[in-house]
Amino acid sequence: MSVLRIRLAAVAVLVALGAAGCGGGDEPAPPGSAPAPQESQGRQVGDSPAASPSGGGANANAGLGASGATGTPGATKHVFPVQGNKGSYSHDHHDYPASDIIANCGLTALSPVDGTVLEVTRVDTWTAKVNEGSSRGGLSVSILGADGARYYLSHFSAVDEGIEPGTPVTAGQPIAKVGRTGDASACHIHFGLSPACAKTGDWWTRRGVIWPWSYLDAWKAGKEKSPVAELNAWQKQHGCPTKPTVDP
């Protein structure tokens, strides 16, 4: 395939994502699927692997919210979250700050940071009829970075074995496979940056509060850049919201 055809294909995917992509809510529900009105945050820190998904809550495992990120940003490594840097992304997103990293289904998603897994969702319960914000990401992983920031990745087709709440991870470690679960019309990773706040359950903050693209630019170029300063500034202004400020 020529370079021109590859670029045209990438543009087509980006256009399709802008029309119906992550969080658009216009994809019809699969035939025979039942609405799922309950929240689905997945297993959280403190849950056993055999436990059912916990509803969490805005104050669950609170600890980093009041004082902002308390890690060591200068000593924390970051990488682009798709193996081989095989992903493209625009510098915008609908409704709230985040990035949709366009990548082929089945590619390996990587932990973008040294840190500890906070939440894992392995079952896709999202339906268009309900369009519940808590389940919109489908299969997902959130990570508390060693720098104190929270990193959220979703729409996976599968989450790797051994990736569980409380699991330590290193930057560049495989964690999942790119997919299109949840409210997604094309293969991609929804990538969000947020302060730790409640750590688990607060999906409205977890999905993203600052624009990630400048950090993705740096990591893709092999440069180190931490979002901690910008997240601390955001949290100083906004605190930790106890409910969605934008929905969907």
C-alpha atoms as a PDB file:
ATOM      1  CA  MET A   1       0.000   0.000   0.000  1.00  0.00           C
ATOM      2  CA  SER A   2       1.415   3.430  -0.930  1.00  0.00           C
ATOM      3  CA  VAL A   3       2.136   6.118   1.642  1.00  0.00           C
ATOM      4  CA  LEU A   4      -0.660   8.243   0.153  1.00  0.00           C
ATOM      5  CA  ARG A   5      -3.219   5.421   0.553  1.00  0.00           C
ATOM      6  CA  ILE A   6      -2.099   4.835   4.156  1.00  0.00           C
ATOM      7  CA  ARG A   7      -2.504   8.525   4.965  1.00  0.00           C
ATOM      8  CA  LEU A   8      -5.907   8.653   3.311  1.00  0.00           C
ATOM      9  CA  ALA A   9      -7.009   5.613   5.310  1.00  0.00           C
ATOM     10  CA  ALA A  10      -5.859   7.237   8.547  1.00  0.00           C
ATOM     11  CA  VAL A  11      -7.773  10.443   7.710  1.00  0.00           C
ATOM     12  CA  ALA A  12     -10.905   8.393   6.986  1.00  0.00           C
ATOM     13  CA  VAL A  13     -10.682   6.733  10.367  1.00  0.00           C
ATOM     14  CA  LEU A  14     -10.244  10.071  12.137  1.00  0.00           C
ATOM     15  CA  VAL A  15     -13.283  11.500  10.317  1.00  0.00           C
ATOM     16  CA  ALA A  16     -15.340   8.449  11.265  1.00  0.00           C
ATOM     17  CA  LEU A  17     -14.293   8.821  14.880  1.00  0.00           C
ATOM     18  CA  GLY A  18     -15.237  12.484  14.918  1.00  0.00           C
ATOM     19  CA  ALA A  19     -18.713  11.581  13.670  1.00  0.00           C
ATOM     20  CA  ALA A  20     -19.478   8.684  15.963  1.00  0.00           C
ATOM     21  CA  GLY A  21     -16.427   7.912  18.054  1.00  0.00           C
ATOM     22  CA  CYS A  22     -15.656   7.628  21.717  1.00  0.00           C
ATOM     23  CA  GLY A  23     -18.686   8.704  23.736  1.00  0.00           C
ATOM     24  CA  GLY A  24     -20.850   9.648  20.750  1.00  0.00           C
ATOM     25  CA  GLY A  25     -23.713   7.460  21.937  1.00  0.00           C
ATOM     26  CA  ASP A  26     -25.208   6.980  18.453  1.00  0.00           C
ATOM     27  CA  GLU A  27     -24.210   3.357  17.815  1.00  0.00           C
ATOM     28  CA  PRO A  28     -27.295   1.074  17.895  1.00  0.00           C
ATOM     29  CA  ALA A  29     -27.455  -1.518  20.633  1.00  0.00           C
ATOM     30  CA  PRO A  30     -26.719  -5.097  19.514  1.00  0.00           C
ATOM     31  CA  PRO A  31     -29.875  -7.115  18.759  1.00  0.00           C
ATOM     32  CA  GLY A  32     -31.286  -8.769  21.859  1.00  0.00           C
ATOM     33  CA  SER A  33     -29.031  -6.897  24.256  1.00  0.00           C
ATOM     34  CA  ALA A  34     -30.508  -5.880  27.580  1.00  0.00           C
ATOM     35  CA  PRO A  35     -30.076  -2.395  29.079  1.00  0.00           C
ATOM     36  CA  ALA A  36     -27.470  -2.165  31.825  1.00  0.00           C
ATOM     37  CA  PRO A  37     -28.483   0.733  34.067  1.00  0.00           C
ATOM     38  CA  GLN A  38     -25.983  -0.127  36.797  1.00  0.00           C
ATOM     39  CA  GLU A  39     -22.547   1.404  36.975  1.00  0.00           C
ATOM     40  CA  SER A  40     -19.650  -0.790  35.926  1.00  0.00           C
ATOM     41  CA  GLN A  41     -16.396   0.577  37.259  1.00  0.00           C
ATOM     42  CA  GLY A  42     -14.817  -2.873  37.404  1.00  0.00           C
ATOM     43  CA  ARG A  43     -12.642  -4.294  40.144  1.00  0.00           C
ATOM     44  CA  GLN A  44     -10.876  -1.758  42.295  1.00  0.00           C
ATOM     45  CA  VAL A  45      -8.015  -1.636  44.731  1.00  0.00           C
ATOM     46  CA  GLY A  46      -8.947  -3.767  47.722  1.00  0.00           C
ATOM     47  CA  ASP A  47     -11.256  -6.127  45.805  1.00  0.00           C
ATOM     48  CA  SER A  48     -10.219  -9.743  45.471  1.00  0.00           C
ATOM     49  CA  PRO A  49      -9.854 -11.069  41.898  1.00  0.00           C
ATOM     50  CA  ALA A  50     -12.976 -13.203  42.378  1.00  0.00           C
ATOM     51  CA  ALA A  51     -15.112 -10.347  43.684  1.00  0.00           C
ATOM     52  CA  SER A  52     -17.922  -8.848  41.648  1.00  0.00           C
ATOM     53  CA  PRO A  53     -17.421  -5.329  40.247  1.00  0.00           C
ATOM     54  CA  SER A  54     -17.668  -2.687  42.945  1.00  0.00           C
ATOM     55  CA  GLY A  55     -19.737   0.430  42.587  1.00  0.00           C
ATOM     56  CA  GLY A  56     -16.953   2.436  44.159  1.00  0.00           C
ATOM     57  CA  GLY A  57     -17.968   5.980  44.919  1.00  0.00           C
ATOM     58  CA  ALA A  58     -16.582   9.484  44.834  1.00  0.00           C
ATOM     59  CA  ASN A  59     -14.885   9.070  48.219  1.00  0.00           C
ATOM     60  CA  ALA A  60     -13.606   5.503  47.845  1.00  0.00           C
ATOM     61  CA  ASN A  61      -9.922   5.141  48.708  1.00  0.00           C
ATOM     62  CA  ALA A  62      -9.560   8.908  49.032  1.00  0.00           C
ATOM     63  CA  GLY A  63      -6.055  10.056  49.855  1.00  0.00           C
ATOM     64  CA  LEU A  64      -4.388  11.930  46.996  1.00  0.00           C
ATOM     65  CA  GLY A  65      -7.271  14.267  46.212  1.00  0.00           C
ATOM     66  CA  ALA A  66      -6.827  16.985  48.819  1.00  0.00           C
ATOM     67  CA  SER A  67      -3.149  17.724  48.238  1.00  0.00           C
ATOM     68  CA  GLY A  68      -2.893  16.834  44.568  1.00  0.00           C
ATOM     69  CA  ALA A  69      -0.209  14.623  43.058  1.00  0.00           C
ATOM     70  CA  THR A  70       2.314  13.597  45.686  1.00  0.00           C
ATOM     71  CA  GLY A  71       4.634  11.363  43.647  1.00  0.00           C
ATOM     72  CA  THR A  72       8.001  12.076  42.085  1.00  0.00           C
ATOM     73  CA  PRO A  73       7.387  13.441  38.560  1.00  0.00           C
ATOM     74  CA  GLY A  74      11.060  14.006  37.779  1.00  0.00           C
ATOM     75  CA  ALA A  75      11.970  10.386  38.478  1.00  0.00           C
ATOM     76  CA  THR A  76       8.956   8.781  36.755  1.00  0.00           C
ATOM     77  CA  LYS A  77       9.321   7.327  33.258  1.00  0.00           C
ATOM     78  CA  HIS A  78       6.648   7.732  30.570  1.00  0.00           C
ATOM     79  CA  VAL A  79       6.147   6.049  27.178  1.00  0.00           C
ATOM     80  CA  PHE A  80       3.672   6.250  24.313  1.00  0.00           C
ATOM     81  CA  PRO A  81       0.887   3.780  25.202  1.00  0.00           C
ATOM     82  CA  VAL A  82       0.871   1.723  21.963  1.00  0.00           C
ATOM     83  CA  GLN A  83       3.714  -0.673  21.140  1.00  0.00           C
ATOM     84  CA  GLY A  84       5.968   0.618  18.379  1.00  0.00           C
ATOM     85  CA  ASN A  85       4.387   4.088  18.630  1.00  0.00           C
ATOM     86  CA  LYS A  86       1.769   2.761  16.204  1.00  0.00           C
ATOM     87  CA  GLY A  87      -1.028   5.211  16.781  1.00  0.00           C
ATOM     88  CA  SER A  88      -2.235   8.618  15.646  1.00  0.00           C
ATOM     89  CA  TYR A  89      -4.407  11.127  17.498  1.00  0.00           C
ATOM     90  CA  SER A  90      -5.968  14.507  16.966  1.00  0.00           C
ATOM     91  CA  HIS A  91      -5.536  17.519  19.224  1.00  0.00           C
ATOM     92  CA  ASP A  92      -9.201  17.674  20.167  1.00  0.00           C
ATOM     93  CA  HIS A  93     -11.981  15.551  21.665  1.00  0.00           C
ATOM     94  CA  HIS A  94     -15.706  15.989  22.087  1.00  0.00           C
ATOM     95  CA  ASP A  95     -17.176  17.535  25.260  1.00  0.00           C
ATOM     96  CA  TYR A  96     -14.193  17.135  27.598  1.00  0.00           C
ATOM     97  CA  PRO A  97     -10.371  16.923  27.383  1.00  0.00           C
ATOM     98  CA  ALA A  98      -9.007  13.520  26.310  1.00  0.00           C
ATOM     99  CA  SER A  99      -7.334  11.938  23.286  1.00  0.00           C
ATOM    100  CA  ASP A 100      -8.517   9.118  21.034  1.00  0.00           C
ATOM    101  CA  ILE A 101      -5.429   7.231  19.897  1.00  0.00           C
ATOM    102  CA  ILE A 102      -6.304   5.556  16.583  1.00  0.00           C
ATOM    103  CA  ALA A 103      -4.637   2.147  16.318  1.00  0.00           C
ATOM    104  CA  ASN A 104      -5.483  -1.201  14.760  1.00  0.00           C
ATOM    105  CA  CYS A 105      -7.479  -3.651  16.850  1.00  0.00           C
ATOM    106  CA  GLY A 106      -5.207  -6.274  18.390  1.00  0.00           C
ATOM    107  CA  LEU A 107      -2.156  -4.040  18.769  1.00  0.00           C
ATOM    108  CA  THR A 108      -0.517  -4.134  22.191  1.00  0.00           C
ATOM    109  CA  ALA A 109      -1.379  -1.330  24.589  1.00  0.00           C
ATOM    110  CA  LEU A 110       1.323  -0.369  27.081  1.00  0.00           C
ATOM    111  CA  SER A 111       1.341   1.184  30.506  1.00  0.00           C
ATOM    112  CA  PRO A 112       2.285   4.818  29.833  1.00  0.00           C
ATOM    113  CA  VAL A 113       3.943   5.183  33.228  1.00  0.00           C
ATOM    114  CA  ASP A 114       5.596   3.468  36.172  1.00  0.00           C
ATOM    115  CA  GLY A 115       2.883   2.999  38.752  1.00  0.00           C
ATOM    116  CA  THR A 116       0.157   0.826  40.262  1.00  0.00           C
ATOM    117  CA  VAL A 117      -3.103  -0.393  38.698  1.00  0.00           C
ATOM    118  CA  LEU A 118      -6.152   1.232  40.301  1.00  0.00           C
ATOM    119  CA  GLU A 119      -9.126  -0.171  38.364  1.00  0.00           C
ATOM    120  CA  VAL A 120      -9.718  -2.909  35.799  1.00  0.00           C
ATOM    121  CA  THR A 121     -12.907  -3.569  33.830  1.00  0.00           C
ATOM    122  CA  ARG A 122     -12.910  -6.882  31.938  1.00  0.00           C
ATOM    123  CA  VAL A 123     -16.606  -7.108  30.976  1.00  0.00           C
ATOM    124  CA  ASP A 124     -18.275  -4.759  28.500  1.00  0.00           C
ATOM    125  CA  THR A 125     -21.743  -3.799  29.799  1.00  0.00           C
ATOM    126  CA  TRP A 126     -22.285  -0.635  27.753  1.00  0.00           C
ATOM    127  CA  THR A 127     -25.444  -0.324  25.610  1.00  0.00           C
ATOM    128  CA  ALA A 128     -26.526   2.576  23.408  1.00  0.00           C
ATOM    129  CA  LYS A 129     -30.044   2.496  24.851  1.00  0.00           C
ATOM    130  CA  VAL A 130     -28.773   3.327  28.325  1.00  0.00           C
ATOM    131  CA  ASN A 131     -25.484   5.059  27.415  1.00  0.00           C
ATOM    132  CA  GLU A 132     -24.309   5.021  31.018  1.00  0.00           C
ATOM    133  CA  GLY A 133     -21.210   7.154  31.524  1.00  0.00           C
ATOM    134  CA  SER A 134     -19.611   4.692  33.927  1.00  0.00           C
ATOM    135  CA  SER A 135     -19.621   1.865  31.360  1.00  0.00           C
ATOM    136  CA  ARG A 136     -18.928   3.902  28.229  1.00  0.00           C
ATOM    137  CA  GLY A 137     -15.248   2.919  28.148  1.00  0.00           C
ATOM    138  CA  GLY A 138     -15.908  -0.823  27.849  1.00  0.00           C
ATOM    139  CA  LEU A 139     -12.823  -2.798  28.860  1.00  0.00           C
ATOM    140  CA  SER A 140     -10.462  -0.431  30.623  1.00  0.00           C
ATOM    141  CA  VAL A 141      -7.506   0.071  32.958  1.00  0.00           C
ATOM    142  CA  SER A 142      -6.630   3.020  35.173  1.00  0.00           C
ATOM    143  CA  ILE A 143      -3.182   3.468  36.690  1.00  0.00           C
ATOM    144  CA  LEU A 144      -1.884   5.640  39.498  1.00  0.00           C
ATOM    145  CA  GLY A 145       1.472   6.834  38.219  1.00  0.00           C
ATOM    146  CA  ALA A 146       4.499   7.016  40.472  1.00  0.00           C
ATOM    147  CA  ASP A 147       4.325  10.750  39.740  1.00  0.00           C
ATOM    148  CA  GLY A 148       0.903  10.916  41.460  1.00  0.00           C
ATOM    149  CA  ALA A 149      -1.160  11.434  38.283  1.00  0.00           C
ATOM    150  CA  ARG A 150      -3.912   9.069  37.117  1.00  0.00           C
ATOM    151  CA  TYR A 151      -3.781   7.532  33.631  1.00  0.00           C
ATOM    152  CA  TYR A 152      -6.928   6.009  32.076  1.00  0.00           C
ATOM    153  CA  LEU A 153      -7.049   3.824  28.938  1.00  0.00           C
ATOM    154  CA  SER A 154     -10.178   2.168  27.560  1.00  0.00           C
ATOM    155  CA  HIS A 155     -12.050   0.421  24.688  1.00  0.00           C
ATOM    156  CA  PHE A 156      -9.730  -2.608  24.865  1.00  0.00           C
ATOM    157  CA  SER A 157     -10.634  -5.945  23.290  1.00  0.00           C
ATOM    158  CA  ALA A 158      -8.882  -7.762  26.157  1.00  0.00           C
ATOM    159  CA  VAL A 159      -6.963  -6.913  29.320  1.00  0.00           C
ATOM    160  CA  ASP A 160      -3.821  -8.958  29.935  1.00  0.00           C
ATOM    161  CA  GLU A 161      -3.753 -11.635  32.615  1.00  0.00           C
ATOM    162  CA  GLY A 162      -2.099 -10.435  35.788  1.00  0.00           C
ATOM    163  CA  ILE A 163      -3.250  -6.834  35.346  1.00  0.00           C
ATOM    164  CA  GLU A 164      -5.320  -6.400  38.496  1.00  0.00           C
ATOM    165  CA  PRO A 165      -5.994  -3.618  41.014  1.00  0.00           C
ATOM    166  CA  GLY A 166      -2.891  -3.223  43.134  1.00  0.00           C
ATOM    167  CA  THR A 167      -0.555  -4.675  40.484  1.00  0.00           C
ATOM    168  CA  PRO A 168       2.665  -2.659  40.008  1.00  0.00           C
ATOM    169  CA  VAL A 169       3.436  -1.821  36.385  1.00  0.00           C
ATOM    170  CA  THR A 170       6.352  -0.233  34.586  1.00  0.00           C
ATOM    171  CA  ALA A 171       6.326   2.195  31.680  1.00  0.00           C
ATOM    172  CA  GLY A 172       6.198   0.181  28.451  1.00  0.00           C
ATOM    173  CA  GLN A 173       4.754  -2.970  30.067  1.00  0.00           C
ATOM    174  CA  PRO A 174       1.990  -4.637  27.986  1.00  0.00           C
ATOM    175  CA  ILE A 175      -1.388  -4.296  29.688  1.00  0.00           C
ATOM    176  CA  ALA A 176      -4.075  -4.947  27.055  1.00  0.00           C
ATOM    177  CA  LYS A 177      -5.055  -5.193  23.378  1.00  0.00           C
ATOM    178  CA  VAL A 178      -6.497  -2.335  21.350  1.00  0.00           C
ATOM    179  CA  GLY A 179     -10.201  -2.813  20.623  1.00  0.00           C
ATOM    180  CA  ARG A 180     -13.544  -1.059  20.282  1.00  0.00           C
ATOM    181  CA  THR A 181     -15.575  -2.149  23.301  1.00  0.00           C
ATOM    182  CA  GLY A 182     -17.958   0.250  24.997  1.00  0.00           C
ATOM    183  CA  ASP A 183     -19.078   3.327  23.078  1.00  0.00           C
ATOM    184  CA  ALA A 184     -16.571   3.130  20.239  1.00  0.00           C
ATOM    185  CA  SER A 185     -17.163   3.083  16.491  1.00  0.00           C
ATOM    186  CA  ALA A 186     -13.564   2.354  15.483  1.00  0.00           C
ATOM    187  CA  CYS A 187     -10.510   0.645  16.945  1.00  0.00           C
ATOM    188  CA  HIS A 188      -8.760   3.075  19.277  1.00  0.00           C
ATOM    189  CA  ILE A 189      -7.687   3.808  22.846  1.00  0.00           C
ATOM    190  CA  HIS A 190      -9.437   6.524  24.807  1.00  0.00           C
ATOM    191  CA  PHE A 191      -6.659   8.155  26.841  1.00  0.00           C
ATOM    192  CA  GLY A 192      -7.398  10.411  29.798  1.00  0.00           C
ATOM    193  CA  LEU A 193      -5.278  12.223  32.391  1.00  0.00           C
ATOM    194  CA  SER A 194      -6.653  13.272  35.768  1.00  0.00           C
ATOM    195  CA  PRO A 195      -5.704  13.898  39.391  1.00  0.00           C
ATOM    196  CA  ALA A 196      -6.097  10.786  41.557  1.00  0.00           C
ATOM    197  CA  CYS A 197      -9.009  12.331  43.500  1.00  0.00           C
ATOM    198  CA  ALA A 198     -11.124   9.368  44.744  1.00  0.00           C
ATOM    199  CA  LYS A 199      -8.726   6.994  42.967  1.00  0.00           C
ATOM    200  CA  THR A 200     -11.618   4.686  41.995  1.00  0.00           C
ATOM    201  CA  GLY A 201     -15.271   5.093  41.055  1.00  0.00           C
ATOM    202  CA  ASP A 202     -15.175   8.750  39.944  1.00  0.00           C
ATOM    203  CA  TRP A 203     -15.435   8.005  36.233  1.00  0.00           C
ATOM    204  CA  TRP A 204     -16.369  11.624  35.376  1.00  0.00           C
ATOM    205  CA  THR A 205     -12.902  12.764  36.498  1.00  0.00           C
ATOM    206  CA  ARG A 206     -11.024   9.584  35.563  1.00  0.00           C
ATOM    207  CA  ARG A 207     -11.930   9.876  31.874  1.00  0.00           C
ATOM    208  CA  GLY A 208      -9.866  13.070  31.518  1.00  0.00           C
ATOM    209  CA  VAL A 209      -9.623  16.696  32.639  1.00  0.00           C
ATOM    210  CA  ILE A 210      -6.621  18.109  30.700  1.00  0.00           C
ATOM    211  CA  TRP A 211      -5.563  17.763  27.082  1.00  0.00           C
ATOM    212  CA  PRO A 212      -3.116  14.835  26.708  1.00  0.00           C
ATOM    213  CA  TRP A 213      -1.844  15.472  23.195  1.00  0.00           C
ATOM    214  CA  SER A 214       1.276  17.477  24.165  1.00  0.00           C
ATOM    215  CA  TYR A 215       2.352  14.664  26.477  1.00  0.00           C
ATOM    216  CA  LEU A 216       1.652  12.043  23.809  1.00  0.00           C
ATOM    217  CA  ASP A 217       3.733  14.127  21.376  1.00  0.00           C
ATOM    218  CA  ALA A 218       6.671  14.079  23.792  1.00  0.00           C
ATOM    219  CA  TRP A 219       6.434  10.384  24.629  1.00  0.00           C
ATOM    220  CA  LYS A 220       6.134   9.413  20.983  1.00  0.00           C
ATOM    221  CA  ALA A 221       9.341  11.363  20.322  1.00  0.00           C
ATOM    222  CA  GLY A 222      11.093   9.571  23.182  1.00  0.00           C
ATOM    223  CA  LYS A 223      11.108  12.650  25.402  1.00  0.00           C
ATOM    224  CA  GLU A 224      10.148  12.773  29.070  1.00  0.00           C
ATOM    225  CA  LYS A 225       7.217  14.951  30.101  1.00  0.00           C
ATOM    226  CA  SER A 226       4.938  14.653  33.151  1.00  0.00           C
ATOM    227  CA  PRO A 227       1.374  16.034  33.393  1.00  0.00           C
ATOM    228  CA  VAL A 228       1.624  16.536  37.165  1.00  0.00           C
ATOM    229  CA  ALA A 229       2.092  20.321  37.198  1.00  0.00           C
ATOM    230  CA  GLU A 230      -0.867  20.910  34.877  1.00  0.00           C
ATOM    231  CA  LEU A 231      -3.048  18.454  36.830  1.00  0.00           C
ATOM    232  CA  ASN A 232      -2.175  20.097  40.136  1.00  0.00           C
ATOM    233  CA  ALA A 233      -3.130  23.484  38.674  1.00  0.00           C
ATOM    234  CA  TRP A 234      -6.434  22.056  37.412  1.00  0.00           C
ATOM    235  CA  GLN A 235      -7.207  20.497  40.786  1.00  0.00           C
ATOM    236  CA  LYS A 236      -6.377  23.705  42.621  1.00  0.00           C
ATOM    237  CA  GLN A 237      -8.992  25.461  40.504  1.00  0.00           C
ATOM    238  CA  HIS A 238     -11.665  22.734  40.330  1.00  0.00           C
ATOM    239  CA  GLY A 239     -11.085  20.468  43.311  1.00  0.00           C
ATOM    240  CA  CYS A 240     -12.426  16.941  42.933  1.00  0.00           C
ATOM    241  CA  PRO A 241     -15.965  17.050  41.463  1.00  0.00           C
ATOM    242  CA  THR A 242     -18.418  14.671  43.133  1.00  0.00           C
ATOM    243  CA  LYS A 243     -20.547  14.273  40.001  1.00  0.00           C
ATOM    244  CA  PRO A 244     -20.176  14.710  36.222  1.00  0.00           C
ATOM    245  CA  THR A 245     -19.683  18.272  35.048  1.00  0.00           C
ATOM    246  CA  VAL A 246     -20.231  17.209  31.417  1.00  0.00           C
ATOM    247  CA  ASP A 247     -22.397  14.261  30.352  1.00  0.00           C
ATOM    248  CA  PRO A 248     -22.043  12.296  28.186  1.00  0.00           C
END
